[in-house]
Amino acid sequence: MKRFIYAFCGALCAGVLSFLLVNAFSQWYGPRYIKSDSDINSAFLWSLIFMVFCLILGALFGYRQGRARRV
């Protein structure tokens, strides 16, 4: 159960950080480079892929931390 909690917390932290990064990037990228709906769709798709990748990495990191801290 402890490993699950560590994995969940790691995924949660990574998800929040990736959301903040994507939000900051969209504030910069949107007004400068988005000209059509296709541009919006591709930017949204890449941001979702990035966020899922960060969630997986955060969960793996948390799981490994929970396994390493076994007492």
PDB file of N, CA and C in Angstrom:
ATOM      1  N   MET A   1       0.817  -1.188   0.000  1.00  0.00           N
ATOM      2  CA  MET A   1       0.000   0.000   0.000  1.00  0.00           C
ATOM      3  C   MET A   1       0.869   1.263   0.000  1.00  0.00           C
ATOM      4  N   LYS A   2       2.017   1.175   0.672  1.00  0.00           N
ATOM      5  CA  LYS A   2       2.906   2.326   0.747  1.00  0.00           C
ATOM      6  C   LYS A   2       3.462   2.673  -0.633  1.00  0.00           C
ATOM      7  N   ARG A   3       3.770   1.659  -1.438  1.00  0.00           N
ATOM      8  CA  ARG A   3       4.285   1.914  -2.779  1.00  0.00           C
ATOM      9  C   ARG A   3       3.237   2.612  -3.637  1.00  0.00           C
ATOM     10  N   PHE A   4       1.973   2.191  -3.479  1.00  0.00           N
ATOM     11  CA  PHE A   4       0.902   2.821  -4.240  1.00  0.00           C
ATOM     12  C   PHE A   4       0.768   4.293  -3.873  1.00  0.00           C
ATOM     13  N   ILE A   5       0.859   4.598  -2.594  1.00  0.00           N
ATOM     14  CA  ILE A   5       0.741   5.991  -2.149  1.00  0.00           C
ATOM     15  C   ILE A   5       1.904   6.827  -2.684  1.00  0.00           C
ATOM     16  N   TYR A   6       3.112   6.268  -2.641  1.00  0.00           N
ATOM     17  CA  TYR A   6       4.270   6.981  -3.200  1.00  0.00           C
ATOM     18  C   TYR A   6       4.098   7.189  -4.704  1.00  0.00           C
ATOM     19  N   ALA A   7       3.632   6.177  -5.413  1.00  0.00           N
ATOM     20  CA  ALA A   7       3.430   6.295  -6.859  1.00  0.00           C
ATOM     21  C   ALA A   7       2.347   7.327  -7.157  1.00  0.00           C
ATOM     22  N   PHE A   8       1.272   7.317  -6.385  1.00  0.00           N
ATOM     23  CA  PHE A   8       0.199   8.283  -6.585  1.00  0.00           C
ATOM     24  C   PHE A   8       0.676   9.710  -6.325  1.00  0.00           C
ATOM     25  N   CYS A   9       1.420   9.902  -5.255  1.00  0.00           N
ATOM     26  CA  CYS A   9       1.941  11.237  -4.938  1.00  0.00           C
ATOM     27  C   CYS A   9       2.936  11.713  -5.989  1.00  0.00           C
ATOM     28  N   GLY A  10       3.779  10.802  -6.476  1.00  0.00           N
ATOM     29  CA  GLY A  10       4.720  11.161  -7.533  1.00  0.00           C
ATOM     30  C   GLY A  10       4.006  11.550  -8.813  1.00  0.00           C
ATOM     31  N   ALA A  11       2.964  10.806  -9.178  1.00  0.00           N
ATOM     32  CA  ALA A  11       2.197  11.126 -10.372  1.00  0.00           C
ATOM     33  C   ALA A  11       1.446  12.442 -10.194  1.00  0.00           C
ATOM     34  N   LEU A  12       0.920  12.671  -9.010  1.00  0.00           N
ATOM     35  CA  LEU A  12       0.195  13.913  -8.746  1.00  0.00           C
ATOM     36  C   LEU A  12       1.123  15.123  -8.849  1.00  0.00           C
ATOM     37  N   CYS A  13       2.288  15.035  -8.246  1.00  0.00           N
ATOM     38  CA  CYS A  13       3.253  16.143  -8.310  1.00  0.00           C
ATOM     39  C   CYS A  13       3.723  16.385  -9.742  1.00  0.00           C
ATOM     40  N   ALA A  14       4.013  15.315 -10.452  1.00  0.00           N
ATOM     41  CA  ALA A  14       4.454  15.458 -11.843  1.00  0.00           C
ATOM     42  C   ALA A  14       3.331  16.005 -12.711  1.00  0.00           C
ATOM     43  N   GLY A  15       2.104  15.600 -12.441  1.00  0.00           N
ATOM     44  CA  GLY A  15       0.969  16.120 -13.207  1.00  0.00           C
ATOM     45  C   GLY A  15       0.755  17.605 -13.004  1.00  0.00           C
ATOM     46  N   VAL A  16       0.860  18.047 -11.762  1.00  0.00           N
ATOM     47  CA  VAL A  16       0.683  19.473 -11.472  1.00  0.00           C
ATOM     48  C   VAL A  16       1.806  20.285 -12.111  1.00  0.00           C
ATOM     49  N   LEU A  17       3.034  19.812 -11.986  1.00  0.00           N
ATOM     50  CA  LEU A  17       4.155  20.536 -12.589  1.00  0.00           C
ATOM     51  C   LEU A  17       4.062  20.571 -14.113  1.00  0.00           C
ATOM     52  N   SER A  18       3.662  19.457 -14.723  1.00  0.00           N
ATOM     53  CA  SER A  18       3.535  19.449 -16.184  1.00  0.00           C
ATOM     54  C   SER A  18       2.392  20.353 -16.627  1.00  0.00           C
ATOM     55  N   PHE A  19       1.306  20.400 -15.859  1.00  0.00           N
ATOM     56  CA  PHE A  19       0.210  21.311 -16.194  1.00  0.00           C
ATOM     57  C   PHE A  19       0.675  22.756 -16.147  1.00  0.00           C
ATOM     58  N   LEU A  20       1.446  23.116 -15.119  1.00  0.00           N
ATOM     59  CA  LEU A  20       1.953  24.487 -15.021  1.00  0.00           C
ATOM     60  C   LEU A  20       2.905  24.821 -16.169  1.00  0.00           C
ATOM     61  N   LEU A  21       3.743  23.860 -16.554  1.00  0.00           N
ATOM     62  CA  LEU A  21       4.648  24.086 -17.684  1.00  0.00           C
ATOM     63  C   LEU A  21       3.879  24.249 -18.992  1.00  0.00           C
ATOM     64  N   VAL A  22       2.892  23.399 -19.216  1.00  0.00           N
ATOM     65  CA  VAL A  22       2.093  23.487 -20.443  1.00  0.00           C
ATOM     66  C   VAL A  22       1.307  24.793 -20.474  1.00  0.00           C
ATOM     67  N   ASN A  23       0.782  25.198 -19.334  1.00  0.00           N
ATOM     68  CA  ASN A  23       0.042  26.453 -19.274  1.00  0.00           C
ATOM     69  C   ASN A  23       0.948  27.642 -19.587  1.00  0.00           C
ATOM     70  N   ALA A  24       2.132  27.671 -19.014  1.00  0.00           N
ATOM     71  CA  ALA A  24       3.075  28.763 -19.294  1.00  0.00           C
ATOM     72  C   ALA A  24       3.493  28.751 -20.764  1.00  0.00           C
ATOM     73  N   PHE A  25       3.730  27.566 -21.314  1.00  0.00           N
ATOM     74  CA  PHE A  25       4.109  27.463 -22.715  1.00  0.00           C
ATOM     75  C   PHE A  25       2.979  27.925 -23.631  1.00  0.00           C
ATOM     76  N   SER A  26       1.744  27.571 -23.296  1.00  0.00           N
ATOM     77  CA  SER A  26       0.618  27.963 -24.145  1.00  0.00           C
ATOM     78  C   SER A  26       0.392  29.476 -24.099  1.00  0.00           C
ATOM     79  N   GLN A  27       0.666  30.100 -22.958  1.00  0.00           N
ATOM     80  CA  GLN A  27       0.548  31.553 -22.869  1.00  0.00           C
ATOM     81  C   GLN A  27       1.555  32.250 -23.780  1.00  0.00           C
ATOM     82  N   TRP A  28       2.721  31.643 -23.939  1.00  0.00           N
ATOM     83  CA  TRP A  28       3.741  32.216 -24.808  1.00  0.00           C
ATOM     84  C   TRP A  28       3.514  31.822 -26.267  1.00  0.00           C
ATOM     85  N   TYR A  29       3.206  30.565 -26.508  1.00  0.00           N
ATOM     86  CA  TYR A  29       3.126  30.029 -27.876  1.00  0.00           C
ATOM     87  C   TYR A  29       1.858  30.455 -28.604  1.00  0.00           C
ATOM     88  N   GLY A  30       0.737  30.503 -27.901  1.00  0.00           N
ATOM     89  CA  GLY A  30      -0.548  30.756 -28.522  1.00  0.00           C
ATOM     90  C   GLY A  30      -0.628  32.039 -29.328  1.00  0.00           C
ATOM     91  N   PRO A  31      -0.391  33.184 -28.722  1.00  0.00           N
ATOM     92  CA  PRO A  31      -0.537  34.435 -29.476  1.00  0.00           C
ATOM     93  C   PRO A  31       0.487  34.609 -30.599  1.00  0.00           C
ATOM     94  N   ARG A  32       1.615  33.949 -30.498  1.00  0.00           N
ATOM     95  CA  ARG A  32       2.667  34.159 -31.485  1.00  0.00           C
ATOM     96  C   ARG A  32       2.545  33.260 -32.709  1.00  0.00           C
ATOM     97  N   TYR A  33       2.162  32.003 -32.512  1.00  0.00           N
ATOM     98  CA  TYR A  33       2.303  31.035 -33.596  1.00  0.00           C
ATOM     99  C   TYR A  33       1.023  30.324 -34.016  1.00  0.00           C
ATOM    100  N   ILE A  34      -0.046  30.397 -33.251  1.00  0.00           N
ATOM    101  CA  ILE A  34      -1.274  29.706 -33.628  1.00  0.00           C
ATOM    102  C   ILE A  34      -2.069  30.586 -34.573  1.00  0.00           C
ATOM    103  N   LYS A  35      -2.266  30.055 -35.785  1.00  0.00           N
ATOM    104  CA  LYS A  35      -2.995  30.804 -36.810  1.00  0.00           C
ATOM    105  C   LYS A  35      -4.273  30.108 -37.252  1.00  0.00           C
ATOM    106  N   SER A  36      -4.406  28.799 -36.989  1.00  0.00           N
ATOM    107  CA  SER A  36      -5.587  28.080 -37.451  1.00  0.00           C
ATOM    108  C   SER A  36      -5.972  27.002 -36.439  1.00  0.00           C
ATOM    109  N   ASP A  37      -7.091  26.352 -36.710  1.00  0.00           N
ATOM    110  CA  ASP A  37      -7.544  25.265 -35.835  1.00  0.00           C
ATOM    111  C   ASP A  37      -6.586  24.090 -35.864  1.00  0.00           C
ATOM    112  N   SER A  38      -5.933  23.874 -36.970  1.00  0.00           N
ATOM    113  CA  SER A  38      -4.966  22.786 -37.069  1.00  0.00           C
ATOM    114  C   SER A  38      -3.786  23.018 -36.123  1.00  0.00           C
ATOM    115  N   ASP A  39      -3.358  24.255 -36.027  1.00  0.00           N
ATOM    116  CA  ASP A  39      -2.270  24.586 -35.104  1.00  0.00           C
ATOM    117  C   ASP A  39      -2.685  24.360 -33.649  1.00  0.00           C
ATOM    118  N   ILE A  40      -3.929  24.714 -33.338  1.00  0.00           N
ATOM    119  CA  ILE A  40      -4.431  24.499 -31.987  1.00  0.00           C
ATOM    120  C   ILE A  40      -4.491  23.012 -31.670  1.00  0.00           C
ATOM    121  N   ASN A  41      -4.983  22.217 -32.636  1.00  0.00           N
ATOM    122  CA  ASN A  41      -5.091  20.776 -32.421  1.00  0.00           C
ATOM    123  C   ASN A  41      -3.731  20.129 -32.205  1.00  0.00           C
ATOM    124  N   SER A  42      -2.748  20.512 -32.991  1.00  0.00           N
ATOM    125  CA  SER A  42      -1.424  19.901 -32.830  1.00  0.00           C
ATOM    126  C   SER A  42      -0.773  20.322 -31.510  1.00  0.00           C
ATOM    127  N   ALA A  43      -0.925  21.574 -31.117  1.00  0.00           N
ATOM    128  CA  ALA A  43      -0.361  22.028 -29.840  1.00  0.00           C
ATOM    129  C   ALA A  43      -1.048  21.317 -28.674  1.00  0.00           C
ATOM    130  N   PHE A  44      -2.367  21.142 -28.759  1.00  0.00           N
ATOM    131  CA  PHE A  44      -3.110  20.462 -27.700  1.00  0.00           C
ATOM    132  C   PHE A  44      -2.704  18.993 -27.612  1.00  0.00           C
ATOM    133  N   LEU A  45      -2.546  18.346 -28.757  1.00  0.00           N
ATOM    134  CA  LEU A  45      -2.141  16.940 -28.771  1.00  0.00           C
ATOM    135  C   LEU A  45      -0.761  16.759 -28.149  1.00  0.00           C
ATOM    136  N   TRP A  46       0.193  17.592 -28.525  1.00  0.00           N
ATOM    137  CA  TRP A  46       1.546  17.467 -27.978  1.00  0.00           C
ATOM    138  C   TRP A  46       1.572  17.780 -26.485  1.00  0.00           C
ATOM    139  N   SER A  47       0.742  18.712 -26.043  1.00  0.00           N
ATOM    140  CA  SER A  47       0.706  19.003 -24.609  1.00  0.00           C
ATOM    141  C   SER A  47       0.108  17.835 -23.827  1.00  0.00           C
ATOM    142  N   LEU A  48      -0.916  17.173 -24.376  1.00  0.00           N
ATOM    143  CA  LEU A  48      -1.473  15.997 -23.708  1.00  0.00           C
ATOM    144  C   LEU A  48      -0.467  14.852 -23.653  1.00  0.00           C
ATOM    145  N   ILE A  49       0.263  14.642 -24.737  1.00  0.00           N
ATOM    146  CA  ILE A  49       1.290  13.596 -24.760  1.00  0.00           C
ATOM    147  C   ILE A  49       2.356  13.895 -23.714  1.00  0.00           C
ATOM    148  N   PHE A  50       2.775  15.150 -23.616  1.00  0.00           N
ATOM    149  CA  PHE A  50       3.778  15.546 -22.626  1.00  0.00           C
ATOM    150  C   PHE A  50       3.282  15.315 -21.206  1.00  0.00           C
ATOM    151  N   MET A  51       2.019  15.659 -20.950  1.00  0.00           N
ATOM    152  CA  MET A  51       1.472  15.505 -19.604  1.00  0.00           C
ATOM    153  C   MET A  51       1.333  14.037 -19.214  1.00  0.00           C
ATOM    154  N   VAL A  52       0.926  13.184 -20.137  1.00  0.00           N
ATOM    155  CA  VAL A  52       0.822  11.749 -19.848  1.00  0.00           C
ATOM    156  C   VAL A  52       2.204  11.164 -19.592  1.00  0.00           C
ATOM    157  N   PHE A  53       3.181  11.570 -20.386  1.00  0.00           N
ATOM    158  CA  PHE A  53       4.560  11.117 -20.193  1.00  0.00           C
ATOM    159  C   PHE A  53       5.071  11.529 -18.815  1.00  0.00           C
ATOM    160  N   CYS A  54       4.780  12.755 -18.396  1.00  0.00           N
ATOM    161  CA  CYS A  54       5.194  13.215 -17.066  1.00  0.00           C
ATOM    162  C   CYS A  54       4.480  12.450 -15.958  1.00  0.00           C
ATOM    163  N   LEU A  55       3.193  12.143 -16.156  1.00  0.00           N
ATOM    164  CA  LEU A  55       2.466  11.354 -15.162  1.00  0.00           C
ATOM    165  C   LEU A  55       3.090   9.977 -14.984  1.00  0.00           C
ATOM    166  N   ILE A  56       3.430   9.336 -16.085  1.00  0.00           N
ATOM    167  CA  ILE A  56       4.028   8.000 -16.018  1.00  0.00           C
ATOM    168  C   ILE A  56       5.388   8.061 -15.334  1.00  0.00           C
ATOM    169  N   LEU A  57       6.202   9.032 -15.715  1.00  0.00           N
ATOM    170  CA  LEU A  57       7.517   9.166 -15.084  1.00  0.00           C
ATOM    171  C   LEU A  57       7.399   9.493 -13.595  1.00  0.00           C
ATOM    172  N   GLY A  58       6.460  10.339 -13.234  1.00  0.00           N
ATOM    173  CA  GLY A  58       6.257  10.667 -11.827  1.00  0.00           C
ATOM    174  C   GLY A  58       5.813   9.461 -11.018  1.00  0.00           C
ATOM    175  N   ALA A  59       4.928   8.650 -11.589  1.00  0.00           N
ATOM    176  CA  ALA A  59       4.475   7.440 -10.897  1.00  0.00           C
ATOM    177  C   ALA A  59       5.619   6.448 -10.738  1.00  0.00           C
ATOM    178  N   LEU A  60       6.423   6.283 -11.777  1.00  0.00           N
ATOM    179  CA  LEU A  60       7.565   5.373 -11.687  1.00  0.00           C
ATOM    180  C   LEU A  60       8.579   5.861 -10.654  1.00  0.00           C
ATOM    181  N   PHE A  61       8.836   7.149 -10.636  1.00  0.00           N
ATOM    182  CA  PHE A  61       9.770   7.703  -9.665  1.00  0.00           C
ATOM    183  C   PHE A  61       9.241   7.529  -8.245  1.00  0.00           C
ATOM    184  N   GLY A  62       7.965   7.802  -8.042  1.00  0.00           N
ATOM    185  CA  GLY A  62       7.377   7.619  -6.721  1.00  0.00           C
ATOM    186  C   GLY A  62       7.389   6.167  -6.289  1.00  0.00           C
ATOM    187  N   TYR A  63       7.113   5.260  -7.213  1.00  0.00           N
ATOM    188  CA  TYR A  63       7.126   3.834  -6.896  1.00  0.00           C
ATOM    189  C   TYR A  63       8.520   3.387  -6.474  1.00  0.00           C
ATOM    190  N   ARG A  64       9.531   3.857  -7.203  1.00  0.00           N
ATOM    191  CA  ARG A  64      10.912   3.491  -6.858  1.00  0.00           C
ATOM    192  C   ARG A  64      11.319   4.081  -5.518  1.00  0.00           C
ATOM    193  N   GLN A  65      10.840   5.302  -5.215  1.00  0.00           N
ATOM    194  CA  GLN A  65      11.146   5.894  -3.905  1.00  0.00           C
ATOM    195  C   GLN A  65      10.472   5.104  -2.787  1.00  0.00           C
ATOM    196  N   GLY A  66       9.260   4.658  -3.025  1.00  0.00           N
ATOM    197  CA  GLY A  66       8.560   3.863  -2.015  1.00  0.00           C
ATOM    198  C   GLY A  66       9.218   2.512  -1.805  1.00  0.00           C
ATOM    199  N   ARG A  67       9.740   1.951  -2.870  1.00  0.00           N
ATOM    200  CA  ARG A  67      10.442   0.663  -2.738  1.00  0.00           C
ATOM    201  C   ARG A  67      11.780   0.840  -2.044  1.00  0.00           C
ATOM    202  N   ALA A  68      12.459   1.958  -2.282  1.00  0.00           N
ATOM    203  CA  ALA A  68      13.776   2.190  -1.700  1.00  0.00           C
ATOM    204  C   ALA A  68      13.684   2.510  -0.207  1.00  0.00           C
ATOM    205  N   ARG A  69      12.547   3.019   0.243  1.00  0.00           N
ATOM    206  CA  ARG A  69      12.396   3.430   1.631  1.00  0.00           C
ATOM    207  C   ARG A  69      11.768   2.342   2.500  1.00  0.00           C
ATOM    208  N   ARG A  70      11.765   1.105   2.046  1.00  0.00           N
ATOM    209  CA  ARG A  70      11.204   0.029   2.850  1.00  0.00           C
ATOM    210  C   ARG A  70      12.012  -0.169   4.122  1.00  0.00           C
ATOM    211  N   VAL A  71      11.325  -0.307   5.204  1.00  0.00           N
ATOM    212  CA  VAL A  71      11.991  -0.498   6.496  1.00  0.00           C
ATOM    213  C   VAL A  71      11.504  -1.774   7.130  1.00  0.00           C
TER     214      VAL A  71
END
